[in-house]
Amino acid sequence: MFAQRQLLAFVTAAELGSFTRAAERIHLSQPALSASIRKLEEIVGLVLFSRNTRSVTLTAAGERFLVHARQILAEMELAISEVRKMALSGRERITIAGLPSLASSLLPRCIARMREAHPEIDLELRDGLAGNLSDWLEAGEVGLALGARPLDETKIEFEPLFDDHLVLIIPSHGRPTTPPRTAPLAEQTRGLAYVAMHDITSVRPLADRALTRAGIAVVPRWTLSHMSSAIAMVRQGLGFTLLPASSVDVFNLGDDVSIRKVEDCARPLGVLWKRPRPSGGALTAFAALLRRDIAALARI
């Protein structure tokens, strides 16, 4: 891939219209600048300059590439500046990720406690689906994540912390009779359409297995990506949904829906680490706080 020096040589030569003046501007010899631009053209696979004895002008490809080269240089300068500021201030920055249900409930509480205990650490939070968490960890974009066990544990380590039970959410009104809480799942959902989460979510396979065990055909009438949308459909009497219990506290459900725990149906949640797991530092401190908070909740 091209280096910052090659991009700087290209942009400067394009702006000044001269290799000689560009070399003087960035304190390079003219042969060194010419070599940098030739190397860049080899990488791109296109001629970027039309050269003659007196001046150089951009080709059509060079004009197009100049826009992107300026953007890349600006982003490089910004990244270097931010890292230098962080080093000078002695602050450490970490990024945490979690499933939407956890990023809107447990994780913000832990982040607030972490900031109180370690004000010198900057924390960022991302929310995403199970596949997103693994991708971000493998790419090094997040330091740790809170989510479900990944399908592939060769690159991602899973540290289980607690079981997240499934709950049935059904309309409270508009039905001839409301089944008792102790009624089987098939009776609770009779006459209601299945409002399913998208099959790329970690809760969908768990919900489908619960329905299959109960003898209910897994035929979603609606398939949605966001839990809030599924709950809104249930509120309007359009069906039932199955969601993780960790998500329930986030929504103001009111009297429009009823919540029933689905027995013997839970997904293990825990900390996801990129292998090998880091030791020490802010990430380890955050994970320790997360374990303490979850243990405290389990005792309530």
Protein backbone atom coordinates (compact mmCIF):
# COMPACT_ATOMS: atom_id res chain seq x y z
CA MET A 1 0.00 0.00 0.00
CA PHE A 2 1.13 3.56 -0.54
CA ALA A 3 2.86 5.53 2.17
CA GLN A 4 2.25 9.04 3.43
CA ARG A 5 5.44 10.28 1.73
CA GLN A 6 4.27 9.09 -1.69
CA LEU A 7 0.88 10.77 -1.28
CA LEU A 8 2.48 14.00 -0.08
CA ALA A 9 4.85 14.02 -3.09
CA PHE A 10 1.92 13.47 -5.46
CA VAL A 11 -0.34 16.14 -3.95
CA THR A 12 2.44 18.73 -3.74
CA ALA A 13 3.53 18.13 -7.35
CA ALA A 14 -0.09 18.33 -8.50
CA GLU A 15 -0.65 21.63 -6.71
CA LEU A 16 2.62 23.25 -7.87
CA GLY A 17 2.71 21.74 -11.38
CA SER A 18 6.40 21.06 -11.03
CA PHE A 19 8.48 18.20 -9.65
CA THR A 20 11.38 20.58 -8.95
CA ARG A 21 9.33 23.02 -6.87
CA ALA A 22 7.49 20.17 -5.14
CA ALA A 23 10.80 18.59 -4.12
CA GLU A 24 11.97 21.90 -2.65
CA ARG A 25 8.65 22.36 -0.79
CA ILE A 26 8.81 18.99 1.00
CA HIS A 27 12.59 18.90 1.36
CA LEU A 28 13.33 15.97 -0.96
CA SER A 29 15.73 15.63 -3.84
CA GLN A 30 14.03 15.68 -7.24
CA PRO A 31 15.08 12.07 -8.00
CA ALA A 32 13.59 10.93 -4.67
CA LEU A 33 10.31 12.73 -5.37
CA SER A 34 10.12 11.33 -8.90
CA ALA A 35 10.76 7.82 -7.55
CA SER A 36 7.96 8.23 -4.97
CA ILE A 37 5.49 9.26 -7.65
CA ARG A 38 6.57 6.42 -9.98
CA LYS A 39 6.06 3.96 -7.11
CA LEU A 40 2.60 5.41 -6.45
CA GLU A 41 1.67 5.04 -10.14
CA GLU A 42 2.83 1.41 -10.03
CA ILE A 43 0.61 0.73 -7.00
CA VAL A 44 -2.41 2.48 -8.52
CA GLY A 45 -1.77 0.93 -11.92
CA LEU A 46 -2.41 4.21 -13.76
CA VAL A 47 -0.40 7.15 -15.09
CA LEU A 48 -1.17 10.13 -12.86
CA PHE A 49 0.94 12.81 -14.57
CA SER A 50 1.56 13.89 -18.15
CA ARG A 51 5.21 14.92 -18.21
CA ASN A 52 7.14 17.20 -20.54
CA THR A 53 10.42 19.06 -20.31
CA ARG A 54 8.92 22.16 -18.72
CA SER A 55 5.98 21.10 -16.54
CA VAL A 56 3.79 18.26 -15.38
CA THR A 57 0.01 18.12 -15.53
CA LEU A 58 -2.47 15.68 -14.10
CA THR A 59 -4.12 13.07 -16.26
CA ALA A 60 -7.85 12.43 -15.89
CA ALA A 61 -7.02 9.60 -13.50
CA GLY A 62 -4.68 11.90 -11.61
CA GLU A 63 -7.40 14.53 -11.19
CA ARG A 64 -9.74 11.91 -9.72
CA PHE A 65 -7.04 10.44 -7.49
CA LEU A 66 -6.05 13.88 -6.17
CA VAL A 67 -9.41 14.28 -4.39
CA HIS A 68 -8.94 11.01 -2.49
CA ALA A 69 -5.24 11.60 -1.82
CA ARG A 70 -6.03 14.89 -0.09
CA GLN A 71 -8.68 13.19 2.05
CA ILE A 72 -6.31 10.36 3.02
CA LEU A 73 -3.56 12.82 3.99
CA ALA A 74 -6.00 14.85 6.08
CA GLU A 75 -7.18 11.71 7.90
CA MET A 76 -3.58 10.63 8.51
CA GLU A 77 -2.73 14.02 9.99
CA LEU A 78 -5.83 13.93 12.19
CA ALA A 79 -5.01 10.41 13.45
CA ILE A 80 -1.42 11.36 14.26
CA SER A 81 -2.59 14.52 16.03
CA GLU A 82 -5.12 12.63 18.17
CA VAL A 83 -2.61 9.96 19.17
CA ARG A 84 -0.05 12.59 20.12
CA LYS A 85 -2.61 14.49 22.21
CA MET A 86 -3.59 11.28 23.98
CA ALA A 87 0.07 10.47 24.70
CA LEU A 88 0.72 13.95 26.05
CA SER A 89 -2.37 13.91 28.26
CA GLY A 90 -1.60 10.43 29.60
CA ARG A 91 -5.14 9.27 28.74
CA GLU A 92 -6.02 5.82 27.48
CA ARG A 93 -8.90 5.26 25.07
CA ILE A 94 -10.85 1.99 24.87
CA THR A 95 -13.86 1.00 22.82
CA ILE A 96 -16.49 -1.38 24.19
CA ALA A 97 -19.19 -3.08 22.12
CA GLY A 98 -22.35 -4.94 23.00
CA LEU A 99 -25.57 -6.40 21.67
CA PRO A 100 -28.31 -3.74 21.43
CA SER A 101 -30.13 -5.11 24.49
CA LEU A 102 -26.93 -4.84 26.57
CA ALA A 103 -25.66 -1.60 25.06
CA SER A 104 -28.91 0.04 26.20
CA SER A 105 -29.03 -1.44 29.70
CA LEU A 106 -26.06 -3.05 31.46
CA LEU A 107 -23.15 -1.48 29.59
CA PRO A 108 -24.02 2.21 30.14
CA ARG A 109 -24.22 1.59 33.90
CA CYS A 110 -20.81 -0.08 33.86
CA ILE A 111 -19.33 2.73 31.76
CA ALA A 112 -20.61 5.33 34.23
CA ARG A 113 -19.02 3.43 37.12
CA MET A 114 -15.77 3.06 35.16
CA ARG A 115 -15.61 6.80 34.52
CA GLU A 116 -16.07 7.48 38.22
CA ALA A 117 -13.31 5.06 39.18
CA HIS A 118 -10.95 5.93 36.29
CA PRO A 119 -11.61 9.46 34.98
CA GLU A 120 -8.30 9.33 33.09
CA ILE A 121 -9.69 6.68 30.70
CA ASP A 122 -11.81 7.63 27.67
CA LEU A 123 -14.48 5.06 26.80
CA GLU A 124 -16.49 4.65 23.63
CA LEU A 125 -19.52 2.39 23.14
CA ARG A 126 -20.75 0.62 20.00
CA ASP A 127 -23.87 -1.45 19.63
CA GLY A 128 -24.29 -4.10 17.00
CA LEU A 129 -25.51 -7.56 16.14
CA ALA A 130 -23.58 -10.70 17.03
CA GLY A 131 -21.75 -10.79 13.69
CA ASN A 132 -20.73 -7.15 14.07
CA LEU A 133 -19.13 -7.81 17.45
CA SER A 134 -16.89 -10.59 16.11
CA ASP A 135 -15.91 -8.55 13.04
CA TRP A 136 -15.02 -5.49 15.16
CA LEU A 137 -12.96 -7.57 17.56
CA GLU A 138 -11.03 -9.34 14.79
CA ALA A 139 -10.32 -5.99 13.10
CA GLY A 140 -9.10 -4.49 16.38
CA GLU A 141 -11.80 -1.79 16.27
CA VAL A 142 -13.08 -2.68 19.77
CA GLY A 143 -11.18 -3.97 22.79
CA LEU A 144 -13.89 -6.21 24.24
CA ALA A 145 -17.54 -6.93 23.66
CA LEU A 146 -20.48 -8.20 25.66
CA GLY A 147 -22.60 -10.65 23.74
CA ALA A 148 -23.55 -14.23 22.93
CA ARG A 149 -21.17 -17.11 22.30
CA PRO A 150 -19.70 -16.73 18.79
CA LEU A 151 -20.10 -19.43 16.17
CA ASP A 152 -16.34 -19.56 15.62
CA GLU A 153 -14.18 -19.49 18.75
CA THR A 154 -10.83 -19.97 17.03
CA LYS A 155 -10.18 -16.22 16.93
CA ILE A 156 -12.65 -14.97 19.54
CA GLU A 157 -12.57 -16.13 23.18
CA PHE A 158 -15.87 -16.31 25.06
CA GLU A 159 -15.99 -15.82 28.85
CA PRO A 160 -19.53 -16.72 30.03
CA LEU A 161 -21.00 -14.43 32.69
CA PHE A 162 -24.75 -15.05 32.92
CA ASP A 163 -27.77 -16.65 31.23
CA ASP A 164 -30.23 -14.33 29.51
CA HIS A 165 -33.69 -15.92 29.62
CA LEU A 166 -36.21 -15.60 26.85
CA VAL A 167 -39.55 -13.89 27.49
CA LEU A 168 -42.79 -14.08 25.56
CA ILE A 169 -44.45 -10.73 24.83
CA ILE A 170 -48.13 -10.86 23.86
CA PRO A 171 -50.90 -8.24 23.52
CA SER A 172 -52.87 -7.55 26.70
CA HIS A 173 -56.05 -6.52 24.88
CA GLY A 174 -58.09 -7.50 21.83
CA ARG A 175 -58.21 -11.26 22.52
CA PRO A 176 -61.36 -13.18 23.54
CA THR A 177 -59.58 -14.54 26.61
CA THR A 178 -56.14 -14.05 28.10
CA PRO A 179 -54.48 -17.40 28.85
CA PRO A 180 -53.17 -17.82 32.39
CA ARG A 181 -49.44 -17.31 32.94
CA THR A 182 -49.01 -21.01 33.63
CA ALA A 183 -50.53 -22.02 30.26
CA PRO A 184 -48.25 -23.75 27.72
CA LEU A 185 -46.53 -21.59 25.11
CA ALA A 186 -48.79 -22.94 22.35
CA GLU A 187 -51.88 -21.76 24.23
CA GLN A 188 -50.34 -18.38 25.06
CA THR A 189 -49.68 -17.68 21.36
CA ARG A 190 -52.80 -19.27 19.82
CA GLY A 191 -54.34 -17.05 17.16
CA LEU A 192 -51.35 -14.69 17.12
CA ALA A 193 -48.85 -14.20 14.32
CA TYR A 194 -45.14 -14.62 14.98
CA VAL A 195 -43.23 -11.30 14.99
CA ALA A 196 -39.67 -12.57 14.61
CA MET A 197 -36.31 -10.93 14.92
CA HIS A 198 -34.05 -11.10 11.88
CA ASP A 199 -32.19 -14.39 11.48
CA ILE A 200 -28.82 -12.61 11.80
CA THR A 201 -29.61 -11.72 15.43
CA SER A 202 -28.39 -13.97 18.24
CA VAL A 203 -31.90 -14.27 19.73
CA ARG A 204 -33.63 -15.61 16.60
CA PRO A 205 -32.28 -19.22 16.73
CA LEU A 206 -33.15 -19.39 20.43
CA ALA A 207 -36.70 -18.17 19.80
CA ASP A 208 -37.22 -20.59 16.91
CA ARG A 209 -36.03 -23.52 19.04
CA ALA A 210 -38.47 -22.56 21.82
CA LEU A 211 -41.36 -22.51 19.36
CA THR A 212 -40.34 -25.82 17.82
CA ARG A 213 -40.14 -27.46 21.25
CA ALA A 214 -43.64 -26.18 21.98
CA GLY A 215 -44.98 -27.66 18.75
CA ILE A 216 -45.51 -24.26 17.12
CA ALA A 217 -44.69 -23.86 13.42
CA VAL A 218 -41.85 -21.38 12.92
CA VAL A 219 -43.50 -19.23 10.25
CA PRO A 220 -42.83 -15.53 10.92
CA ARG A 221 -45.51 -13.15 9.69
CA TRP A 222 -43.12 -10.23 10.17
CA THR A 223 -39.32 -10.22 10.46
CA LEU A 224 -37.69 -7.17 12.02
CA SER A 225 -34.20 -6.00 12.92
CA HIS A 226 -34.99 -3.90 16.00
CA MET A 227 -36.63 -5.08 19.22
CA SER A 228 -38.47 -1.79 19.61
CA SER A 229 -40.20 -2.43 16.27
CA ALA A 230 -41.22 -5.94 17.34
CA ILE A 231 -42.70 -4.61 20.59
CA ALA A 232 -44.59 -1.89 18.69
CA MET A 233 -46.19 -4.59 16.51
CA VAL A 234 -47.26 -6.54 19.60
CA ARG A 235 -48.70 -3.37 21.18
CA GLN A 236 -50.98 -3.03 18.15
CA GLY A 237 -52.21 -6.61 18.56
CA LEU A 238 -50.46 -7.79 15.39
CA GLY A 239 -48.78 -10.80 16.96
CA PHE A 240 -46.40 -12.09 19.61
CA THR A 241 -42.63 -11.92 19.90
CA LEU A 242 -39.88 -13.62 21.89
CA LEU A 243 -37.12 -11.40 23.22
CA PRO A 244 -34.27 -11.63 25.73
CA ALA A 245 -35.15 -10.65 29.28
CA SER A 246 -32.18 -8.25 29.33
CA SER A 247 -34.03 -6.04 26.83
CA VAL A 248 -37.27 -5.66 28.78
CA ASP A 249 -36.10 -2.97 31.21
CA VAL A 250 -35.09 -0.73 28.31
CA PHE A 251 -38.63 -0.33 26.97
CA ASN A 252 -41.59 1.36 28.63
CA LEU A 253 -43.98 -1.50 27.91
CA GLY A 254 -47.01 -0.16 29.78
CA ASP A 255 -50.31 -2.03 29.93
CA ASP A 256 -50.55 -2.86 26.23
CA VAL A 257 -48.50 -6.03 26.49
CA SER A 258 -48.00 -8.93 28.88
CA ILE A 259 -44.66 -10.57 29.57
CA ARG A 260 -44.25 -14.25 30.34
CA LYS A 261 -41.00 -16.06 31.07
CA VAL A 262 -40.23 -18.95 28.73
CA GLU A 263 -39.00 -21.81 30.88
CA ASP A 264 -35.79 -23.67 30.09
CA CYS A 265 -34.87 -21.27 27.33
CA ALA A 266 -31.82 -19.05 27.80
CA ARG A 267 -28.73 -17.92 25.95
CA PRO A 268 -25.36 -17.59 27.68
CA LEU A 269 -23.92 -14.06 27.52
CA GLY A 270 -20.41 -13.03 28.37
CA VAL A 271 -17.28 -11.12 27.47
CA LEU A 272 -15.82 -11.59 24.01
CA TRP A 273 -12.08 -11.13 23.56
CA LYS A 274 -9.85 -11.28 20.52
CA ARG A 275 -7.31 -14.06 21.03
CA PRO A 276 -4.90 -13.81 22.73
CA ARG A 277 -6.74 -12.03 25.54
CA PRO A 278 -4.99 -8.79 26.63
CA SER A 279 -3.65 -8.62 30.16
CA GLY A 280 -3.60 -5.52 32.32
CA GLY A 281 -4.69 -2.03 31.33
CA ALA A 282 -8.08 -0.37 31.08
CA LEU A 283 -9.78 -3.29 29.29
CA THR A 284 -8.94 -5.69 32.12
CA ALA A 285 -10.19 -3.15 34.68
CA PHE A 286 -13.47 -2.72 32.78
CA ALA A 287 -13.98 -6.49 32.52
CA ALA A 288 -13.44 -6.84 36.28
CA LEU A 289 -16.05 -4.14 36.94
CA LEU A 290 -18.44 -5.88 34.57
CA ARG A 291 -18.05 -9.18 36.42
CA ARG A 292 -18.72 -7.49 39.79
CA ASP A 293 -21.85 -5.74 38.52
CA ILE A 294 -23.27 -8.93 37.03
CA ALA A 295 -22.52 -10.89 40.21
CA ALA A 296 -24.30 -8.19 42.24
CA LEU A 297 -27.35 -8.36 39.96
CA ALA A 298 -27.45 -12.15 40.32
CA ARG A 299 -27.74 -11.76 44.11
CA ILE A 300 -30.72 -9.42 43.92
